[in-house]
Protein backbone atom coordinates (compact mmCIF):
# COMPACT_ATOMS: atom_id res chain seq x y z
CA MET A 1 0.00 0.00 0.00
CA PRO A 2 2.49 2.66 -1.14
CA TRP A 3 -0.12 5.41 -1.04
CA LEU A 4 -0.15 5.54 2.77
CA ARG A 5 1.64 8.61 4.09
CA THR A 6 3.92 8.73 7.12
CA ILE A 7 4.41 11.30 9.86
CA LEU A 8 7.82 12.92 10.20
CA ASP A 9 7.16 14.02 13.79
CA PRO A 10 8.38 11.32 16.22
CA GLU A 11 5.17 11.75 18.25
CA ALA A 12 1.84 11.32 16.51
CA VAL A 13 -0.12 12.23 19.65
CA ASN A 14 0.93 14.17 22.72
CA VAL A 15 -1.42 15.27 25.50
CA LEU A 16 -0.71 16.94 28.84
CA ASP A 17 -3.23 17.24 31.70
CA LEU A 18 -6.12 16.63 29.29
CA GLU A 19 -9.49 17.04 30.95
CA LYS A 20 -13.14 16.78 29.94
CA ARG A 21 -16.02 17.80 32.16
CA PHE A 22 -19.73 17.41 31.58
CA GLY A 23 -21.16 19.77 34.17
CA GLN A 24 -19.85 18.57 37.53
CA PHE A 25 -18.90 15.14 36.15
CA VAL A 26 -15.23 14.67 35.26
CA ALA A 27 -15.07 12.10 32.45
CA VAL A 28 -11.35 12.52 31.75
CA ASP A 29 -9.22 13.72 34.65
CA ARG A 30 -5.94 15.44 33.68
CA ILE A 31 -4.37 12.57 31.76
CA SER A 32 -1.00 12.77 30.02
CA PHE A 33 0.55 10.43 27.46
CA SER A 34 2.17 10.32 24.04
CA VAL A 35 1.93 8.04 21.01
CA ARG A 36 5.01 7.44 18.90
CA THR A 37 4.81 7.59 15.15
CA GLY A 38 4.43 4.18 13.52
CA GLU A 39 3.48 2.24 16.65
CA ILE A 40 0.37 0.33 17.69
CA PHE A 41 -0.82 2.10 20.82
CA GLY A 42 -3.43 0.51 23.05
CA PHE A 43 -5.83 2.54 25.20
CA LEU A 44 -7.48 0.19 27.69
CA GLY A 45 -10.08 0.47 30.40
CA PRO A 46 -13.52 -0.72 31.50
CA ASN A 47 -16.78 0.72 30.20
CA GLY A 48 -17.21 4.30 31.37
CA ALA A 49 -13.51 4.78 32.07
CA GLY A 50 -13.18 7.70 29.63
CA LYS A 51 -11.70 5.94 26.59
CA SER A 52 -14.24 7.00 23.99
CA THR A 53 -14.41 10.53 25.40
CA THR A 54 -10.63 10.82 25.07
CA ILE A 55 -10.69 9.55 21.49
CA ARG A 56 -13.45 11.99 20.57
CA MET A 57 -11.35 14.86 21.91
CA LEU A 58 -8.28 13.68 20.00
CA CYS A 59 -10.32 13.34 16.80
CA GLY A 60 -11.68 16.87 17.02
CA ILE A 61 -15.26 15.73 17.63
CA ILE A 62 -15.64 17.35 21.07
CA SER A 63 -13.62 20.12 22.72
CA PRO A 64 -11.51 19.45 25.83
CA SER A 65 -12.27 21.37 29.01
CA ALA A 66 -8.62 21.88 29.92
CA GLY A 67 -5.09 20.75 29.22
CA ARG A 68 -2.96 20.70 26.09
CA GLY A 69 -2.59 18.35 23.17
CA HIS A 70 -1.47 17.84 19.59
CA VAL A 71 -2.56 15.21 17.09
CA ALA A 72 -0.56 14.75 13.89
CA GLY A 73 1.01 18.13 14.60
CA TYR A 74 -2.31 19.98 15.05
CA ASP A 75 -3.60 21.61 18.21
CA ILE A 76 -6.69 19.83 19.56
CA PHE A 77 -8.16 23.14 20.79
CA THR A 78 -7.69 25.34 17.74
CA GLN A 79 -7.23 23.02 14.74
CA ALA A 80 -9.95 20.40 15.12
CA GLU A 81 -11.00 20.56 11.44
CA ALA A 82 -7.43 19.99 10.26
CA ILE A 83 -7.23 16.95 12.55
CA LYS A 84 -10.42 15.51 11.07
CA GLN A 85 -9.00 15.73 7.55
CA THR A 86 -5.70 14.13 8.58
CA ILE A 87 -6.75 11.15 10.68
CA GLY A 88 -8.82 8.04 10.06
CA TYR A 89 -11.49 7.20 12.64
CA MET A 90 -13.41 3.96 13.04
CA SER A 91 -16.00 4.53 15.73
CA GLN A 92 -17.33 2.07 18.28
CA ARG A 93 -20.77 2.39 16.74
CA PHE A 94 -21.15 0.98 13.26
CA SER A 95 -20.76 3.90 10.86
CA LEU A 96 -21.72 2.41 7.47
CA TYR A 97 -25.01 2.66 5.61
CA LEU A 98 -26.56 -0.80 5.63
CA ASP A 99 -28.91 -0.10 2.73
CA MET A 100 -25.95 0.75 0.49
CA THR A 101 -23.41 -1.58 -1.11
CA PRO A 102 -19.70 -1.58 -0.20
CA PHE A 103 -19.04 0.26 -3.46
CA GLU A 104 -21.63 2.91 -2.60
CA ASN A 105 -20.34 3.30 0.96
CA ILE A 106 -16.82 3.82 -0.35
CA ARG A 107 -17.99 6.45 -2.83
CA PHE A 108 -19.94 8.21 -0.09
CA TYR A 109 -16.90 8.44 2.20
CA LEU A 110 -14.66 9.57 -0.65
CA GLY A 111 -16.95 12.58 -0.84
CA ILE A 112 -17.05 13.05 2.94
CA TYR A 113 -13.24 13.09 3.07
CA ASP A 114 -13.12 15.44 0.07
CA VAL A 115 -10.81 13.15 -1.93
CA PRO A 116 -10.28 14.66 -5.42
CA LEU A 117 -12.45 12.99 -8.09
CA ARG A 118 -9.45 11.97 -10.16
CA PHE A 119 -8.46 9.52 -7.39
CA TRP A 120 -11.88 7.96 -6.79
CA GLU A 121 -11.55 4.96 -9.08
CA GLU A 122 -8.04 4.15 -7.88
CA ARG A 123 -8.90 4.48 -4.17
CA THR A 124 -12.11 2.47 -4.57
CA GLU A 125 -10.29 -0.47 -6.17
CA GLU A 126 -7.46 -0.30 -3.62
CA VAL A 127 -9.81 -0.41 -0.63
CA LEU A 128 -11.93 -3.21 -2.10
CA LYS A 129 -8.74 -5.18 -2.67
CA ILE A 130 -7.13 -4.68 0.74
CA THR A 131 -10.42 -5.45 2.53
CA ARG A 132 -10.99 -8.51 0.31
CA LEU A 133 -14.48 -7.31 -0.65
CA THR A 134 -14.15 -7.01 -4.42
CA ASP A 135 -16.45 -9.98 -5.05
CA VAL A 136 -19.24 -8.50 -2.89
CA ARG A 137 -18.88 -4.87 -3.91
CA ASP A 138 -22.49 -4.76 -5.15
CA ARG A 139 -24.19 -6.64 -2.32
CA LEU A 140 -26.11 -4.71 0.32
CA THR A 141 -23.93 -4.06 3.34
CA ARG A 142 -26.68 -5.33 5.64
CA ASP A 143 -26.29 -8.79 4.03
CA LEU A 144 -22.57 -9.04 4.82
CA PRO A 145 -21.25 -10.90 7.90
CA PRO A 146 -20.22 -8.63 10.82
CA GLY A 147 -16.51 -9.23 10.24
CA TRP A 148 -16.80 -8.18 6.60
CA ARG A 149 -18.63 -5.00 7.62
CA GLN A 150 -15.81 -4.22 10.03
CA ARG A 151 -13.29 -4.62 7.21
CA LEU A 152 -15.35 -2.26 5.08
CA ALA A 153 -15.55 0.31 7.90
CA LEU A 154 -11.78 0.17 8.29
CA GLY A 155 -11.32 0.50 4.54
CA CYS A 156 -13.52 3.60 4.47
CA ALA A 157 -11.40 5.12 7.26
CA LEU A 158 -8.32 4.69 5.03
CA LEU A 159 -9.72 6.29 1.86
CA HIS A 160 -8.01 9.66 2.37
CA GLN A 161 -4.63 8.06 3.20
CA PRO A 162 -4.52 9.06 6.88
CA LYS A 163 -1.32 9.48 8.81
CA LEU A 164 -2.96 8.33 12.01
CA LEU A 165 -5.75 5.81 12.56
CA PHE A 166 -8.08 5.73 15.57
CA LEU A 167 -9.93 2.45 16.13
CA ASP A 168 -12.51 2.36 18.92
CA GLU A 169 -13.13 -1.31 19.81
CA PRO A 170 -12.83 -2.36 16.14
CA THR A 171 -13.31 -6.11 16.68
CA SER A 172 -16.22 -6.01 19.10
CA GLY A 173 -18.74 -8.70 18.19
CA VAL A 174 -16.69 -10.51 15.55
CA ASP A 175 -15.39 -14.08 15.65
CA PRO A 176 -11.80 -15.00 16.70
CA ILE A 177 -10.64 -15.81 13.15
CA THR A 178 -11.82 -12.45 11.87
CA ARG A 179 -10.15 -10.76 14.83
CA ARG A 180 -6.86 -12.45 13.96
CA HIS A 181 -7.06 -11.37 10.30
CA PHE A 182 -7.97 -7.85 11.41
CA TRP A 183 -4.84 -7.58 13.54
CA GLU A 184 -2.67 -8.97 10.76
CA PHE A 185 -3.93 -6.11 8.62
CA ILE A 186 -3.24 -3.58 11.40
CA LYS A 187 0.36 -4.78 11.55
CA GLN A 188 0.67 -4.34 7.79
CA LEU A 189 -0.51 -0.75 8.13
CA THR A 190 2.12 0.06 10.75
CA GLU A 191 4.80 -1.46 8.53
CA GLN A 192 3.78 1.21 6.00
CA GLY A 193 4.32 3.94 8.60
CA VAL A 194 0.75 4.40 9.81
CA THR A 195 0.25 5.02 13.53
CA VAL A 196 -2.63 3.05 15.08
CA PHE A 197 -4.41 4.14 18.26
CA VAL A 198 -6.78 1.38 19.36
CA THR A 199 -9.13 0.59 22.22
CA THR A 200 -10.12 -2.99 22.97
CA HIS A 201 -11.59 -5.13 25.74
CA TYR A 202 -9.64 -8.18 24.53
CA MET A 203 -6.37 -8.49 26.42
CA ASP A 204 -5.01 -10.99 23.89
CA GLU A 205 -5.38 -8.22 21.28
CA ALA A 206 -3.68 -5.70 23.54
CA GLN A 207 -0.60 -7.94 23.50
CA HIS A 208 -0.12 -6.83 19.86
CA CYS A 209 0.41 -3.23 21.01
CA ASN A 210 3.88 -1.76 21.33
CA ARG A 211 2.72 0.27 24.32
CA VAL A 212 -0.52 0.64 26.24
CA VAL A 213 -2.11 3.09 28.62
CA MET A 214 -4.71 1.82 31.08
CA ILE A 215 -7.34 4.27 32.27
CA ASN A 216 -9.88 3.93 35.09
CA GLU A 217 -12.37 6.48 36.41
CA GLY A 218 -10.91 9.02 34.00
CA LYS A 219 -7.33 8.65 35.25
CA VAL A 220 -4.26 6.86 33.91
CA VAL A 221 -3.42 3.92 36.18
CA ALA A 222 -0.66 2.25 34.15
CA SER A 223 1.43 2.83 31.04
CA GLY A 224 4.21 1.03 29.21
CA SER A 225 4.71 -2.12 27.20
CA PRO A 226 2.35 -5.02 27.98
CA VAL A 227 5.27 -7.00 29.41
CA ASN A 228 6.35 -4.19 31.74
CA ILE A 229 2.81 -3.55 32.96
CA ILE A 230 2.44 -7.22 33.87
CA ARG A 231 5.78 -7.23 35.69
CA GLU A 232 4.92 -4.11 37.67
CA ALA A 233 1.51 -5.46 38.68
CA PHE A 234 2.82 -8.94 39.55
CA PRO A 235 6.57 -8.79 40.24
CA ASN A 236 6.53 -12.25 41.86
CA ARG A 237 4.16 -14.03 39.50
CA PRO A 238 5.91 -14.96 36.23
CA GLU A 239 2.80 -16.81 35.05
CA ALA A 240 0.62 -13.66 35.23
CA ASN A 241 -0.77 -12.23 32.01
CA LEU A 242 -2.16 -8.90 30.84
CA ASN A 243 -5.70 -9.89 31.77
CA ASP A 244 -4.56 -10.48 35.37
CA ALA A 245 -2.89 -7.07 35.42
CA PHE A 246 -5.95 -5.39 33.95
CA VAL A 247 -8.27 -6.87 36.57
CA LYS A 248 -5.94 -5.88 39.41
CA LEU A 249 -5.48 -2.33 38.18
CA MET A 250 -9.17 -1.77 37.41
CA THR A 251 -10.31 -2.95 40.84
CA ARG A 252 -7.83 -0.72 42.64
CA ARG A 253 -9.32 2.61 43.61
CA THR A 254 -7.78 5.59 41.86
CA PRO A 255 -6.61 8.46 44.07
């Protein structure tokens, strides 16, 4: 996939004391972290921990209440529209039109991302090929298996050749084989220089990440490589895994 661009900045994402309030409720509580260019970065936490709210701030969908941050070199407070045009975003909620075909969904998102018309045919064929959906391009999306729809949603997020890809629980509800193929494709993207920021509830998937941040009750409770997080949580248990560490950290009260 030679058309995928890379980021020259060594940090694709950098946030400091990022906060989001909804009235008196603090959804994200002064978190700080960075994402290196070209890595798979995992953002983990239970439901309601603040993961999706954080992603929506980073993607320019909602405004932060306080803090600082840059995504792909753009300020999250003042350059939200530039961020939207630079990144790819696959939301937790299914974002495709079920009464349209894969071909029609792709053409719709080419327009949404304002891709020049002269590239439409090329990009359409590329995405159908990399998602392995060429043979079903004219079937209604509602008739496709869930895993195939997920591939199509990911393909649509890549149409404008993003530097940075946000995936919010991308394999939720799909079978283990499809999950494995999905992660193989994610690794291929990073080999082309794309940075992937992903949330997941599957700890076996999180093992694919170069680094992870764990968040609970709006606060960061752990960060580092999966191996290091396990070691810090269970220094005397060599048989412990990331799921064990996750459970321990999520049940510990945050200060």
